[in-house]
Amino acid sequence: MVSITSLWLPILLSAVIVFFVSSIIHMVLPFHRNDWRRLSNEDAVLEALRRFNIAPGDYLAPRPATPQAMKDPEFQAKMKAGPVLVMTVRAGGAPSMGRSLGLWFAYAVVVGIFAAYIAGRALAPGTRYPEVFRFAGCTAFVGYSLALLQNSIWYWRNWGATLRSVIDGLLYGLLTGGTFGWLWPR
């Protein structure tokens, strides 16, 4: 068994590596450029929505008031007529990249902590690189990727965008596993 405190360096270094690689993937490479579609009539749609003064939050429309209301012919007619919306509304203004980047780095540290916990409980000091890589990398992949599939299953998120993010998570898992394997206590 290896304590989490003795794994602070691979936890932090893997978070830094994932942070920089994800920045390259999202800001330099074209891999995610088509994850979001642009409305052909964006200005008109935004102007129409502004009139409603929708509070920031997550919305589903049409949304039944109760599970039983899903059987109501009026609700079914709304669903059939479309459009059906799953949307997140933010307050106006420039996004806070500092806040988002800080939260992303903290998330990478949390994934590293879980990778350290699982690998540390399963493996002894001196374990060979491939074994450490397998435990830490698989745990990190799960932390970065598997919950993303729910967004396409339940909220109709574009499968292509979801799968590209899962591929990102695989890369982050491999980098985390590699960092842990490299820095595993001897």
Foldseek 3Di string as FASTA:
>chain_A
DADLVLVLVLLLVLLVVLLVVVCCVPPPDCLQVVQDDDDPPNVVVVVVVVVVVDDFDWDWPPDAPDPVCCPPPVNVVDVVVDDIDTDGDDDDDDDDVVVVSVVSSVLSSVLSSQLCVQLVVVDDAPDALVSQLVSSLVSQLCSQADVLVVCCVPVVRDPSNNVSSSVSSNVSSNSSSNSCSVSGHD
